[in-house]
Amino acid sequence: MASGPYNYSYIFKYIIIGDMGVGKSCLLHQFTEKKFMADCPHTIGVEFGTRIVEVSGQKIKLQIWDTAGQERFRAVTRSYYRGAAGALMVYDITRRSTYNHLSSWLTDARNLTNPNTVIFLIGNKSDLDGQRDVTYEEAKTFADENGLLFLEASAKTGDNVEDVFIETAKKIYQNIQDGNVDLNAADTGVQLKPSASGGSGDRKPTGNQSSQQSGGKGCC
């Protein structure tokens, strides 16, 4: 949908969080490149991807930060929560331990983002239904009890991947229309389109958000 560096009205910042190996980077790559990365290395620190989508006739640029899932990187990745308009919280439907850790990830998301951040729960690897260790029903109950959006998806087949990112953008945009997002505030994760004289439309966020980026894309 992109046709030029300034052909969008808003920038929304997303973060992707969850345990190592749940497929966070694979979801990002499937969404931005329409490809599945097999046997990819785990993310070290934070990775970054962008794509322009359309919501209610508005072009919106998604800036997506893919965070490492290892505990040793948590102190680094927590800095990326601040100023996130959307948080995609991922678990692996074939590994119950990744589901059991969701409460910890949700606590970080709630404590480190603003109250209007849209949190979307994703059960990845729906293509491995025969190895399922977490039922759809219990995850849906967890999402409902915590006010989260929820879908199961597959980074491998692409099933529901588009929907996850687009539905999050729709909810953020609705919050803007409802007056719940202050476009002048620094921590909302929403920016109006930069002026053409302000630099590249692919400009990354400033400060510690870009300075700590490292590592190759991986399926963590």
C-alpha atoms as a PDB file:
ATOM      1  CA  MET A   1       0.000   0.000   0.000  1.00  0.00           C
ATOM      2  CA  ALA A   2       3.026   2.266   0.240  1.00  0.00           C
ATOM      3  CA  SER A   3       3.762   4.595  -2.658  1.00  0.00           C
ATOM      4  CA  GLY A   4       6.316   7.065  -1.374  1.00  0.00           C
ATOM      5  CA  PRO A   5       8.038   7.897   1.916  1.00  0.00           C
ATOM      6  CA  TYR A   6       5.411  10.474   2.960  1.00  0.00           C
ATOM      7  CA  ASN A   7       2.267   8.765   1.754  1.00  0.00           C
ATOM      8  CA  TYR A   8       0.782   8.259   5.199  1.00  0.00           C
ATOM      9  CA  SER A   9      -1.096  10.283   7.792  1.00  0.00           C
ATOM     10  CA  TYR A  10       0.019   8.687  11.064  1.00  0.00           C
ATOM     11  CA  ILE A  11       2.842   6.655  12.570  1.00  0.00           C
ATOM     12  CA  PHE A  12       1.906   3.992  15.137  1.00  0.00           C
ATOM     13  CA  LYS A  13       4.595   2.381  17.267  1.00  0.00           C
ATOM     14  CA  TYR A  14       4.174  -1.342  18.018  1.00  0.00           C
ATOM     15  CA  ILE A  15       6.181  -3.659  20.250  1.00  0.00           C
ATOM     16  CA  ILE A  16       6.139  -7.454  20.064  1.00  0.00           C
ATOM     17  CA  ILE A  17       6.727  -9.216  23.389  1.00  0.00           C
ATOM     18  CA  GLY A  18       6.760 -12.768  24.707  1.00  0.00           C
ATOM     19  CA  ASP A  19       9.028 -15.687  25.581  1.00  0.00           C
ATOM     20  CA  MET A  20      11.975 -16.775  23.477  1.00  0.00           C
ATOM     21  CA  GLY A  21      11.042 -19.057  20.596  1.00  0.00           C
ATOM     22  CA  VAL A  22       7.342 -18.205  20.337  1.00  0.00           C
ATOM     23  CA  GLY A  23       7.828 -16.765  16.834  1.00  0.00           C
ATOM     24  CA  LYS A  24       7.794 -13.008  17.381  1.00  0.00           C
ATOM     25  CA  SER A  25      10.334 -12.258  14.648  1.00  0.00           C
ATOM     26  CA  CYS A  26       8.638 -14.731  12.331  1.00  0.00           C
ATOM     27  CA  LEU A  27       5.340 -12.886  12.773  1.00  0.00           C
ATOM     28  CA  LEU A  28       7.040  -9.572  11.998  1.00  0.00           C
ATOM     29  CA  HIS A  29       8.759 -11.000   8.921  1.00  0.00           C
ATOM     30  CA  GLN A  30       5.551 -12.618   7.665  1.00  0.00           C
ATOM     31  CA  PHE A  31       3.716  -9.301   8.034  1.00  0.00           C
ATOM     32  CA  THR A  32       6.382  -7.057   6.473  1.00  0.00           C
ATOM     33  CA  GLU A  33       7.870  -9.432   3.863  1.00  0.00           C
ATOM     34  CA  LYS A  34       5.086 -11.998   3.291  1.00  0.00           C
ATOM     35  CA  LYS A  35       7.640 -14.734   3.911  1.00  0.00           C
ATOM     36  CA  PHE A  36       8.270 -17.335   6.603  1.00  0.00           C
ATOM     37  CA  MET A  37      11.733 -17.479   8.140  1.00  0.00           C
ATOM     38  CA  ALA A  38      12.651 -21.064   9.016  1.00  0.00           C
ATOM     39  CA  ASP A  39      15.544 -21.937  11.343  1.00  0.00           C
ATOM     40  CA  CYS A  40      16.266 -18.305  12.118  1.00  0.00           C
ATOM     41  CA  PRO A  41      18.541 -17.213  14.979  1.00  0.00           C
ATOM     42  CA  HIS A  42      17.098 -15.704  18.130  1.00  0.00           C
ATOM     43  CA  THR A  43      16.881 -11.932  18.288  1.00  0.00           C
ATOM     44  CA  ILE A  44      19.630 -10.232  20.272  1.00  0.00           C
ATOM     45  CA  GLY A  45      18.305  -7.022  21.814  1.00  0.00           C
ATOM     46  CA  VAL A  46      15.717  -5.461  19.516  1.00  0.00           C
ATOM     47  CA  GLU A  47      14.900  -5.589  15.805  1.00  0.00           C
ATOM     48  CA  PHE A  48      12.826  -3.179  13.734  1.00  0.00           C
ATOM     49  CA  GLY A  49      10.422  -3.373  10.803  1.00  0.00           C
ATOM     50  CA  THR A  50       7.905  -1.078   9.073  1.00  0.00           C
ATOM     51  CA  ARG A  51       4.905  -1.320   6.804  1.00  0.00           C
ATOM     52  CA  ILE A  52       2.215   1.100   5.662  1.00  0.00           C
ATOM     53  CA  VAL A  53      -1.386  -0.086   6.026  1.00  0.00           C
ATOM     54  CA  GLU A  54      -4.777   1.501   5.408  1.00  0.00           C
ATOM     55  CA  VAL A  55      -7.412   1.981   8.106  1.00  0.00           C
ATOM     56  CA  SER A  56     -10.683   3.829   7.452  1.00  0.00           C
ATOM     57  CA  GLY A  57      -9.196   5.431   4.357  1.00  0.00           C
ATOM     58  CA  GLN A  58      -6.104   6.625   6.233  1.00  0.00           C
ATOM     59  CA  LYS A  59      -2.596   5.444   5.409  1.00  0.00           C
ATOM     60  CA  ILE A  60      -0.786   4.524   8.617  1.00  0.00           C
ATOM     61  CA  LYS A  61       2.871   3.636   8.965  1.00  0.00           C
ATOM     62  CA  LEU A  62       3.504   0.916  11.538  1.00  0.00           C
ATOM     63  CA  GLN A  63       6.907   1.060  13.244  1.00  0.00           C
ATOM     64  CA  ILE A  64       7.298  -2.374  14.811  1.00  0.00           C
ATOM     65  CA  TRP A  65       9.894  -3.206  17.466  1.00  0.00           C
ATOM     66  CA  ASP A  66      10.575  -6.925  17.886  1.00  0.00           C
ATOM     67  CA  THR A  67      12.030  -7.559  21.341  1.00  0.00           C
ATOM     68  CA  ALA A  68      14.231 -10.416  22.555  1.00  0.00           C
ATOM     69  CA  GLY A  69      12.479 -12.913  24.799  1.00  0.00           C
ATOM     70  CA  GLN A  70      15.441 -13.988  26.919  1.00  0.00           C
ATOM     71  CA  GLU A  71      15.399 -12.855  30.532  1.00  0.00           C
ATOM     72  CA  ARG A  72      18.921 -11.421  30.228  1.00  0.00           C
ATOM     73  CA  PHE A  73      17.627  -8.839  27.731  1.00  0.00           C
ATOM     74  CA  ARG A  74      14.566  -7.773  29.727  1.00  0.00           C
ATOM     75  CA  ALA A  75      16.259  -4.694  31.197  1.00  0.00           C
ATOM     76  CA  VAL A  76      17.139  -3.506  27.683  1.00  0.00           C
ATOM     77  CA  THR A  77      13.831  -4.332  26.029  1.00  0.00           C
ATOM     78  CA  ARG A  78      11.730  -2.707  28.761  1.00  0.00           C
ATOM     79  CA  SER A  79      12.879   0.696  27.512  1.00  0.00           C
ATOM     80  CA  TYR A  80      11.055   0.012  24.237  1.00  0.00           C
ATOM     81  CA  TYR A  81       7.668  -0.351  25.919  1.00  0.00           C
ATOM     82  CA  ARG A  82       7.484   3.364  26.581  1.00  0.00           C
ATOM     83  CA  GLY A  83       5.605   5.222  23.905  1.00  0.00           C
ATOM     84  CA  ALA A  84       4.039   2.119  22.348  1.00  0.00           C
ATOM     85  CA  ALA A  85       0.574   2.527  20.847  1.00  0.00           C
ATOM     86  CA  GLY A  86       0.193  -1.229  20.384  1.00  0.00           C
ATOM     87  CA  ALA A  87       1.683  -4.259  22.140  1.00  0.00           C
ATOM     88  CA  LEU A  88       1.484  -7.704  20.520  1.00  0.00           C
ATOM     89  CA  MET A  89       1.915 -10.304  23.278  1.00  0.00           C
ATOM     90  CA  VAL A  90       2.796 -13.701  21.821  1.00  0.00           C
ATOM     91  CA  TYR A  91       2.771 -17.255  23.183  1.00  0.00           C
ATOM     92  CA  ASP A  92       3.255 -20.640  21.510  1.00  0.00           C
ATOM     93  CA  ILE A  93       0.121 -22.817  21.556  1.00  0.00           C
ATOM     94  CA  THR A  94       2.345 -25.935  21.696  1.00  0.00           C
ATOM     95  CA  ARG A  95       4.326 -24.818  24.788  1.00  0.00           C
ATOM     96  CA  ARG A  96       2.300 -24.216  27.934  1.00  0.00           C
ATOM     97  CA  SER A  97       5.251 -22.580  29.692  1.00  0.00           C
ATOM     98  CA  THR A  98       5.049 -19.659  27.240  1.00  0.00           C
ATOM     99  CA  TYR A  99       1.359 -19.271  28.080  1.00  0.00           C
ATOM    100  CA  ASN A 100       2.018 -19.474  31.814  1.00  0.00           C
ATOM    101  CA  HIS A 101       4.441 -16.543  31.546  1.00  0.00           C
ATOM    102  CA  LEU A 102       1.849 -14.222  29.985  1.00  0.00           C
ATOM    103  CA  SER A 103       0.915 -12.651  33.311  1.00  0.00           C
ATOM    104  CA  SER A 104       4.497 -11.432  33.729  1.00  0.00           C
ATOM    105  CA  TRP A 105       4.605 -10.003  30.207  1.00  0.00           C
ATOM    106  CA  LEU A 106       1.214  -8.367  30.714  1.00  0.00           C
ATOM    107  CA  THR A 107       2.353  -6.792  33.983  1.00  0.00           C
ATOM    108  CA  ASP A 108       5.326  -5.220  32.191  1.00  0.00           C
ATOM    109  CA  ALA A 109       3.115  -4.027  29.346  1.00  0.00           C
ATOM    110  CA  ARG A 110       0.603  -2.446  31.697  1.00  0.00           C
ATOM    111  CA  ASN A 111       3.225  -0.855  33.926  1.00  0.00           C
ATOM    112  CA  LEU A 112       5.500   0.483  31.191  1.00  0.00           C
ATOM    113  CA  THR A 113       3.042   1.659  28.520  1.00  0.00           C
ATOM    114  CA  ASN A 114       0.310   4.283  28.692  1.00  0.00           C
ATOM    115  CA  PRO A 115      -3.269   3.376  29.736  1.00  0.00           C
ATOM    116  CA  ASN A 116      -4.568   3.545  26.142  1.00  0.00           C
ATOM    117  CA  THR A 117      -1.997   1.160  24.663  1.00  0.00           C
ATOM    118  CA  VAL A 118      -3.818  -1.550  22.721  1.00  0.00           C
ATOM    119  CA  ILE A 119      -2.651  -5.010  23.832  1.00  0.00           C
ATOM    120  CA  PHE A 120      -3.300  -7.913  21.458  1.00  0.00           C
ATOM    121  CA  LEU A 121      -2.779 -11.506  22.637  1.00  0.00           C
ATOM    122  CA  ILE A 122      -1.549 -13.864  19.902  1.00  0.00           C
ATOM    123  CA  GLY A 123      -1.442 -17.652  20.098  1.00  0.00           C
ATOM    124  CA  ASN A 124       1.191 -18.405  17.456  1.00  0.00           C
ATOM    125  CA  LYS A 125       1.817 -21.685  15.594  1.00  0.00           C
ATOM    126  CA  SER A 126      -1.834 -22.491  14.981  1.00  0.00           C
ATOM    127  CA  ASP A 127      -0.607 -24.673  12.113  1.00  0.00           C
ATOM    128  CA  LEU A 128       0.636 -27.130  14.767  1.00  0.00           C
ATOM    129  CA  ASP A 129      -2.828 -27.860  16.159  1.00  0.00           C
ATOM    130  CA  GLY A 130      -1.969 -31.541  16.597  1.00  0.00           C
ATOM    131  CA  GLN A 131       0.731 -30.549  19.114  1.00  0.00           C
ATOM    132  CA  ARG A 132      -1.495 -28.053  20.935  1.00  0.00           C
ATOM    133  CA  ASP A 133      -0.792 -27.621  24.659  1.00  0.00           C
ATOM    134  CA  VAL A 134      -3.018 -24.562  25.257  1.00  0.00           C
ATOM    135  CA  THR A 135      -6.687 -24.561  24.249  1.00  0.00           C
ATOM    136  CA  TYR A 136      -8.243 -21.689  22.353  1.00  0.00           C
ATOM    137  CA  GLU A 137     -10.956 -21.410  25.003  1.00  0.00           C
ATOM    138  CA  GLU A 138      -8.639 -20.866  27.973  1.00  0.00           C
ATOM    139  CA  ALA A 139      -6.575 -18.282  26.110  1.00  0.00           C
ATOM    140  CA  LYS A 140      -9.760 -16.495  25.029  1.00  0.00           C
ATOM    141  CA  THR A 141     -10.909 -16.457  28.654  1.00  0.00           C
ATOM    142  CA  PHE A 142      -7.564 -14.994  29.758  1.00  0.00           C
ATOM    143  CA  ALA A 143      -7.853 -12.311  27.068  1.00  0.00           C
ATOM    144  CA  ASP A 144     -11.443 -11.444  27.994  1.00  0.00           C
ATOM    145  CA  GLU A 145     -10.644 -11.250  31.718  1.00  0.00           C
ATOM    146  CA  ASN A 146      -7.772  -8.846  31.014  1.00  0.00           C
ATOM    147  CA  GLY A 147      -9.438  -6.729  28.338  1.00  0.00           C
ATOM    148  CA  LEU A 148      -7.180  -7.942  25.521  1.00  0.00           C
ATOM    149  CA  LEU A 149      -7.853  -8.523  21.858  1.00  0.00           C
ATOM    150  CA  PHE A 150      -7.116 -12.153  20.906  1.00  0.00           C
ATOM    151  CA  LEU A 151      -6.462 -14.342  17.876  1.00  0.00           C
ATOM    152  CA  GLU A 152      -4.555 -17.504  17.128  1.00  0.00           C
ATOM    153  CA  ALA A 153      -2.223 -17.134  14.155  1.00  0.00           C
ATOM    154  CA  SER A 154       0.486 -18.898  12.189  1.00  0.00           C
ATOM    155  CA  ALA A 155       3.665 -17.101  11.178  1.00  0.00           C
ATOM    156  CA  LYS A 156       4.390 -20.102   8.943  1.00  0.00           C
ATOM    157  CA  THR A 157       1.193 -20.118   6.875  1.00  0.00           C
ATOM    158  CA  GLY A 158       0.333 -16.445   7.385  1.00  0.00           C
ATOM    159  CA  ASP A 159      -3.074 -17.316   8.832  1.00  0.00           C
ATOM    160  CA  ASN A 160      -4.473 -14.326  10.787  1.00  0.00           C
ATOM    161  CA  VAL A 161      -1.101 -12.520  10.782  1.00  0.00           C
ATOM    162  CA  GLU A 162      -2.449  -9.649   8.711  1.00  0.00           C
ATOM    163  CA  ASP A 163      -5.530  -9.435  10.943  1.00  0.00           C
ATOM    164  CA  VAL A 164      -3.479  -9.127  14.130  1.00  0.00           C
ATOM    165  CA  PHE A 165      -1.560  -6.067  12.950  1.00  0.00           C
ATOM    166  CA  ILE A 166      -4.506  -4.439  11.178  1.00  0.00           C
ATOM    167  CA  GLU A 167      -7.019  -4.964  13.989  1.00  0.00           C
ATOM    168  CA  THR A 168      -4.557  -3.401  16.435  1.00  0.00           C
ATOM    169  CA  ALA A 169      -4.228  -0.386  14.137  1.00  0.00           C
ATOM    170  CA  LYS A 170      -8.011  -0.127  13.834  1.00  0.00           C
ATOM    171  CA  LYS A 171      -8.390  -0.044  17.617  1.00  0.00           C
ATOM    172  CA  ILE A 172      -5.671   2.601  17.975  1.00  0.00           C
ATOM    173  CA  TYR A 173      -7.279   4.700  15.256  1.00  0.00           C
ATOM    174  CA  GLN A 174     -10.665   4.363  16.956  1.00  0.00           C
ATOM    175  CA  ASN A 175      -9.087   5.593  20.188  1.00  0.00           C
ATOM    176  CA  ILE A 176      -7.825   8.649  18.288  1.00  0.00           C
ATOM    177  CA  GLN A 177     -11.292   9.291  16.851  1.00  0.00           C
ATOM    178  CA  ASP A 178     -12.837   8.909  20.306  1.00  0.00           C
ATOM    179  CA  GLY A 179     -10.451  11.488  21.752  1.00  0.00           C
ATOM    180  CA  ASN A 180      -8.652   8.981  23.987  1.00  0.00           C
ATOM    181  CA  VAL A 181      -5.233   9.673  22.464  1.00  0.00           C
ATOM    182  CA  ASP A 182      -3.515  13.035  22.884  1.00  0.00           C
ATOM    183  CA  LEU A 183      -1.578  13.516  19.647  1.00  0.00           C
ATOM    184  CA  ASN A 184       0.566  16.134  21.366  1.00  0.00           C
ATOM    185  CA  ALA A 185       1.707  13.782  24.126  1.00  0.00           C
ATOM    186  CA  ALA A 186       5.084  12.092  23.753  1.00  0.00           C
ATOM    187  CA  ASP A 187       4.172   8.696  25.194  1.00  0.00           C
ATOM    188  CA  THR A 188       1.126   7.704  23.114  1.00  0.00           C
ATOM    189  CA  GLY A 189       3.072   5.949  20.365  1.00  0.00           C
ATOM    190  CA  VAL A 190       1.113   7.930  17.756  1.00  0.00           C
ATOM    191  CA  GLN A 191       2.609  10.646  15.562  1.00  0.00           C
ATOM    192  CA  LEU A 192       1.096  12.737  12.819  1.00  0.00           C
ATOM    193  CA  LYS A 193       2.806  12.520   9.434  1.00  0.00           C
ATOM    194  CA  PRO A 194       6.178  14.341   9.501  1.00  0.00           C
ATOM    195  CA  SER A 195       6.681  17.252   7.144  1.00  0.00           C
ATOM    196  CA  ALA A 196       8.576  16.601   3.929  1.00  0.00           C
ATOM    197  CA  SER A 197      11.332  18.904   5.125  1.00  0.00           C
ATOM    198  CA  GLY A 198      11.742  16.982   8.361  1.00  0.00           C
ATOM    199  CA  GLY A 199      13.763  14.108   6.920  1.00  0.00           C
ATOM    200  CA  SER A 200      13.074  10.646   5.612  1.00  0.00           C
ATOM    201  CA  GLY A 201       9.692   9.036   6.150  1.00  0.00           C
ATOM    202  CA  ASP A 202      11.636   5.983   7.263  1.00  0.00           C
ATOM    203  CA  ARG A 203      13.211   7.898  10.119  1.00  0.00           C
ATOM    204  CA  LYS A 204      13.412   5.765  13.240  1.00  0.00           C
ATOM    205  CA  PRO A 205      12.485   7.006  16.710  1.00  0.00           C
ATOM    206  CA  THR A 206      15.198   8.999  18.387  1.00  0.00           C
ATOM    207  CA  GLY A 207      16.973   8.475  21.679  1.00  0.00           C
ATOM    208  CA  ASN A 208      17.568   5.113  23.316  1.00  0.00           C
ATOM    209  CA  GLN A 209      15.004   3.451  21.059  1.00  0.00           C
ATOM    210  CA  SER A 210      17.399   3.319  18.112  1.00  0.00           C
ATOM    211  CA  SER A 211      20.727   3.344  19.932  1.00  0.00           C
ATOM    212  CA  GLN A 212      20.224  -0.088  21.516  1.00  0.00           C
ATOM    213  CA  GLN A 213      19.021  -1.901  18.405  1.00  0.00           C
ATOM    214  CA  SER A 214      21.168  -4.946  17.663  1.00  0.00           C
ATOM    215  CA  GLY A 215      21.278  -8.485  16.408  1.00  0.00           C
ATOM    216  CA  GLY A 216      19.758 -10.385  13.510  1.00  0.00           C
ATOM    217  CA  LYS A 217      16.116 -11.148  13.082  1.00  0.00           C
ATOM    218  CA  GLY A 218      15.154 -14.342  14.798  1.00  0.00           C
ATOM    219  CA  CYS A 219      12.161 -16.397  15.760  1.00  0.00           C
ATOM    220  CA  CYS A 220      12.194 -15.487  19.403  1.00  0.00           C
END
